[in-house]
Amino acid sequence: MSVVLMWEARAVSGRGGELLDWVREQELGAEPLRREVFRAPQDRVLVLTWWDAPYDAELPELPEPDGELVTRAVHRWRFEPVP
């Protein structure tokens, strides 16, 4: 069984590079099967991690960045692959 965790944040205008650097420095405490980082317009950063675990497993997640770096709370979702 596997699960994908999605983490998405929007940086304060002009600080997207700083948020991207912050995300890349974060360690999870356990190694996912795969970790990918994306960026988008409006200084958004998205991180996807793949885990060999059940959907409801307790898994390490990226924390909330400093409130002065982001414009809102981080969005987090879990997904299951569909055959």
N, C-alpha and C. Protein backbone atom coordinates (compact mmCIF):
# COMPACT_ATOMS: atom_id res chain seq x y z
N MET A 1 0.85 -1.17 0.00
CA MET A 1 0.00 0.00 0.00
C MET A 1 0.90 1.24 0.00
N SER A 2 0.46 2.29 -0.66
CA SER A 2 1.26 3.52 -0.65
C SER A 2 0.36 4.74 -0.53
N VAL A 3 0.99 5.82 -0.12
CA VAL A 3 0.27 7.08 0.06
C VAL A 3 1.19 8.21 -0.39
N VAL A 4 0.58 9.26 -0.92
CA VAL A 4 1.32 10.46 -1.34
C VAL A 4 0.86 11.61 -0.45
N LEU A 5 1.82 12.31 0.14
CA LEU A 5 1.51 13.50 0.93
C LEU A 5 1.81 14.73 0.10
N MET A 6 0.90 15.68 0.11
CA MET A 6 1.07 16.93 -0.62
C MET A 6 1.13 18.07 0.38
N TRP A 7 2.11 18.94 0.20
CA TRP A 7 2.32 20.11 1.05
C TRP A 7 2.45 21.31 0.12
N GLU A 8 1.65 22.36 0.34
CA GLU A 8 1.70 23.52 -0.55
C GLU A 8 1.62 24.80 0.28
N ALA A 9 2.50 25.75 -0.05
CA ALA A 9 2.51 27.03 0.65
C ALA A 9 2.69 28.16 -0.36
N ARG A 10 2.23 29.34 0.03
CA ARG A 10 2.39 30.53 -0.81
C ARG A 10 3.21 31.55 -0.02
N ALA A 11 4.34 31.91 -0.60
CA ALA A 11 5.24 32.86 0.07
C ALA A 11 4.71 34.28 -0.05
N VAL A 12 5.17 35.10 0.85
CA VAL A 12 4.92 36.54 0.74
C VAL A 12 5.51 36.98 -0.61
N SER A 13 4.86 37.90 -1.28
CA SER A 13 5.28 38.34 -2.61
C SER A 13 6.78 38.65 -2.66
N GLY A 14 7.45 38.05 -3.64
CA GLY A 14 8.87 38.27 -3.83
C GLY A 14 9.77 37.37 -3.01
N ARG A 15 9.18 36.51 -2.16
CA ARG A 15 9.98 35.65 -1.29
C ARG A 15 9.86 34.17 -1.65
N GLY A 16 9.42 33.90 -2.89
CA GLY A 16 9.27 32.51 -3.33
C GLY A 16 10.59 31.75 -3.32
N GLY A 17 11.68 32.39 -3.72
CA GLY A 17 12.99 31.73 -3.70
C GLY A 17 13.42 31.38 -2.29
N GLU A 18 13.11 32.25 -1.37
CA GLU A 18 13.44 32.01 0.05
C GLU A 18 12.64 30.83 0.60
N LEU A 19 11.35 30.76 0.22
CA LEU A 19 10.52 29.62 0.65
C LEU A 19 11.04 28.33 0.02
N LEU A 20 11.41 28.37 -1.24
CA LEU A 20 11.96 27.20 -1.92
C LEU A 20 13.23 26.72 -1.21
N ASP A 21 14.12 27.63 -0.86
CA ASP A 21 15.33 27.26 -0.13
C ASP A 21 14.98 26.66 1.22
N TRP A 22 14.01 27.25 1.93
CA TRP A 22 13.59 26.76 3.23
C TRP A 22 13.10 25.31 3.11
N VAL A 23 12.26 25.04 2.10
CA VAL A 23 11.71 23.69 1.90
C VAL A 23 12.83 22.70 1.65
N ARG A 24 13.79 23.06 0.81
CA ARG A 24 14.89 22.14 0.49
C ARG A 24 15.76 21.82 1.70
N GLU A 25 15.81 22.70 2.68
CA GLU A 25 16.61 22.48 3.89
C GLU A 25 15.93 21.59 4.92
N GLN A 26 14.63 21.39 4.78
CA GLN A 26 13.87 20.65 5.79
C GLN A 26 14.11 19.14 5.66
N GLU A 27 14.38 18.51 6.80
CA GLU A 27 14.50 17.06 6.85
C GLU A 27 13.23 16.50 7.47
N LEU A 28 12.86 15.31 7.06
CA LEU A 28 11.60 14.74 7.49
C LEU A 28 11.70 13.80 8.68
N GLY A 29 12.87 13.32 9.03
CA GLY A 29 13.00 12.37 10.13
C GLY A 29 12.90 10.93 9.65
N ALA A 30 12.40 10.71 8.46
CA ALA A 30 12.37 9.40 7.79
C ALA A 30 12.46 9.70 6.29
N GLU A 31 12.97 8.75 5.55
CA GLU A 31 13.18 8.96 4.12
C GLU A 31 11.99 8.42 3.32
N PRO A 32 11.30 9.28 2.57
CA PRO A 32 10.20 8.79 1.72
C PRO A 32 10.77 8.00 0.54
N LEU A 33 9.91 7.27 -0.13
CA LEU A 33 10.32 6.57 -1.35
C LEU A 33 10.77 7.58 -2.41
N ARG A 34 10.11 8.72 -2.41
CA ARG A 34 10.38 9.76 -3.41
C ARG A 34 9.93 11.09 -2.84
N ARG A 35 10.64 12.15 -3.23
CA ARG A 35 10.28 13.51 -2.80
C ARG A 35 10.55 14.44 -3.98
N GLU A 36 9.53 15.20 -4.35
CA GLU A 36 9.66 16.15 -5.46
C GLU A 36 9.19 17.52 -5.01
N VAL A 37 9.88 18.55 -5.49
CA VAL A 37 9.57 19.93 -5.14
C VAL A 37 9.24 20.69 -6.43
N PHE A 38 8.17 21.48 -6.40
CA PHE A 38 7.72 22.25 -7.55
C PHE A 38 7.52 23.71 -7.15
N ARG A 39 7.55 24.60 -8.12
CA ARG A 39 7.18 25.99 -7.86
C ARG A 39 6.18 26.42 -8.92
N ALA A 40 5.43 27.47 -8.59
CA ALA A 40 4.39 27.97 -9.49
C ALA A 40 4.30 29.48 -9.35
N PRO A 41 3.58 30.13 -10.26
CA PRO A 41 3.39 31.57 -10.14
C PRO A 41 2.82 31.95 -8.78
N GLN A 42 2.95 33.20 -8.45
CA GLN A 42 2.49 33.76 -7.18
C GLN A 42 3.28 33.21 -6.00
N ASP A 43 4.55 32.86 -6.25
CA ASP A 43 5.47 32.42 -5.19
C ASP A 43 4.95 31.21 -4.42
N ARG A 44 4.37 30.26 -5.14
CA ARG A 44 3.88 29.02 -4.53
C ARG A 44 4.94 27.94 -4.61
N VAL A 45 4.99 27.10 -3.58
CA VAL A 45 5.90 25.95 -3.54
C VAL A 45 5.08 24.72 -3.16
N LEU A 46 5.30 23.63 -3.88
CA LEU A 46 4.58 22.38 -3.68
C LEU A 46 5.59 21.26 -3.45
N VAL A 47 5.33 20.42 -2.45
CA VAL A 47 6.17 19.26 -2.18
C VAL A 47 5.28 18.03 -2.16
N LEU A 48 5.69 17.00 -2.92
CA LEU A 48 5.01 15.71 -2.90
C LEU A 48 5.99 14.68 -2.37
N THR A 49 5.52 13.85 -1.43
CA THR A 49 6.33 12.75 -0.93
C THR A 49 5.54 11.46 -1.05
N TRP A 50 6.22 10.40 -1.47
CA TRP A 50 5.61 9.09 -1.64
C TRP A 50 6.11 8.18 -0.52
N TRP A 51 5.18 7.44 0.10
CA TRP A 51 5.50 6.58 1.23
C TRP A 51 4.93 5.18 1.02
N ASP A 52 5.67 4.18 1.45
CA ASP A 52 5.18 2.80 1.45
C ASP A 52 4.50 2.59 2.80
N ALA A 53 3.25 3.00 2.88
CA ALA A 53 2.52 2.97 4.14
C ALA A 53 1.02 3.02 3.86
N PRO A 54 0.20 2.60 4.82
CA PRO A 54 -1.25 2.73 4.65
C PRO A 54 -1.66 4.20 4.68
N TYR A 55 -2.83 4.47 4.14
CA TYR A 55 -3.34 5.85 4.03
C TYR A 55 -3.35 6.57 5.38
N ASP A 56 -3.73 5.89 6.43
CA ASP A 56 -3.87 6.54 7.74
C ASP A 56 -2.63 6.42 8.62
N ALA A 57 -1.50 6.01 8.05
CA ALA A 57 -0.26 5.87 8.83
C ALA A 57 0.22 7.23 9.34
N GLU A 58 0.88 7.21 10.47
CA GLU A 58 1.48 8.43 10.99
C GLU A 58 2.81 8.62 10.26
N LEU A 59 2.92 9.70 9.50
CA LEU A 59 4.10 9.95 8.68
C LEU A 59 4.65 11.34 8.96
N PRO A 60 5.96 11.51 8.81
CA PRO A 60 6.53 12.84 9.03
C PRO A 60 6.11 13.79 7.91
N GLU A 61 5.84 15.02 8.28
CA GLU A 61 5.45 16.03 7.30
C GLU A 61 6.29 17.28 7.50
N LEU A 62 6.38 18.06 6.45
CA LEU A 62 7.08 19.34 6.56
C LEU A 62 6.32 20.25 7.53
N PRO A 63 7.03 21.03 8.32
CA PRO A 63 6.37 21.92 9.27
C PRO A 63 5.81 23.17 8.58
N GLU A 64 5.19 24.01 9.37
CA GLU A 64 4.75 25.32 8.90
C GLU A 64 5.98 26.23 8.85
N PRO A 65 6.19 26.97 7.78
CA PRO A 65 7.28 27.94 7.77
C PRO A 65 6.95 29.13 8.68
N ASP A 66 7.95 29.92 8.95
CA ASP A 66 7.78 31.14 9.72
C ASP A 66 6.63 31.95 9.13
N GLY A 67 5.74 32.44 9.97
CA GLY A 67 4.57 33.19 9.53
C GLY A 67 4.89 34.42 8.70
N GLU A 68 6.10 34.95 8.82
CA GLU A 68 6.48 36.13 8.03
C GLU A 68 6.93 35.75 6.63
N LEU A 69 7.11 34.43 6.37
CA LEU A 69 7.55 33.97 5.06
C LEU A 69 6.36 33.61 4.16
N VAL A 70 5.23 33.25 4.76
CA VAL A 70 4.08 32.79 3.97
C VAL A 70 2.86 33.70 4.19
N THR A 71 1.95 33.66 3.21
CA THR A 71 0.77 34.52 3.27
C THR A 71 -0.43 33.86 3.95
N ARG A 72 -0.36 32.54 4.14
CA ARG A 72 -1.48 31.81 4.74
C ARG A 72 -0.95 30.49 5.29
N ALA A 73 -1.80 29.78 5.99
CA ALA A 73 -1.40 28.46 6.51
C ALA A 73 -1.11 27.51 5.36
N VAL A 74 -0.23 26.57 5.60
CA VAL A 74 0.12 25.54 4.61
C VAL A 74 -1.11 24.67 4.34
N HIS A 75 -1.25 24.24 3.09
CA HIS A 75 -2.30 23.28 2.72
C HIS A 75 -1.65 21.90 2.65
N ARG A 76 -2.33 20.91 3.21
CA ARG A 76 -1.82 19.53 3.22
C ARG A 76 -2.95 18.59 2.82
N TRP A 77 -2.61 17.62 1.97
CA TRP A 77 -3.57 16.58 1.61
C TRP A 77 -2.84 15.26 1.47
N ARG A 78 -3.60 14.18 1.59
CA ARG A 78 -3.09 12.82 1.35
C ARG A 78 -3.85 12.26 0.16
N PHE A 79 -3.14 11.46 -0.62
CA PHE A 79 -3.73 10.81 -1.79
C PHE A 79 -3.30 9.36 -1.83
N GLU A 80 -4.15 8.53 -2.42
CA GLU A 80 -3.82 7.14 -2.68
C GLU A 80 -3.74 6.95 -4.19
N PRO A 81 -2.77 6.17 -4.66
CA PRO A 81 -2.73 5.85 -6.10
C PRO A 81 -3.99 5.05 -6.49
N VAL A 82 -4.45 5.28 -7.67
CA VAL A 82 -5.62 4.56 -8.19
C VAL A 82 -5.17 3.64 -9.31
N PRO A 83 -5.45 2.34 -9.18
CA PRO A 83 -5.02 1.39 -10.23
C PRO A 83 -5.78 1.60 -11.53
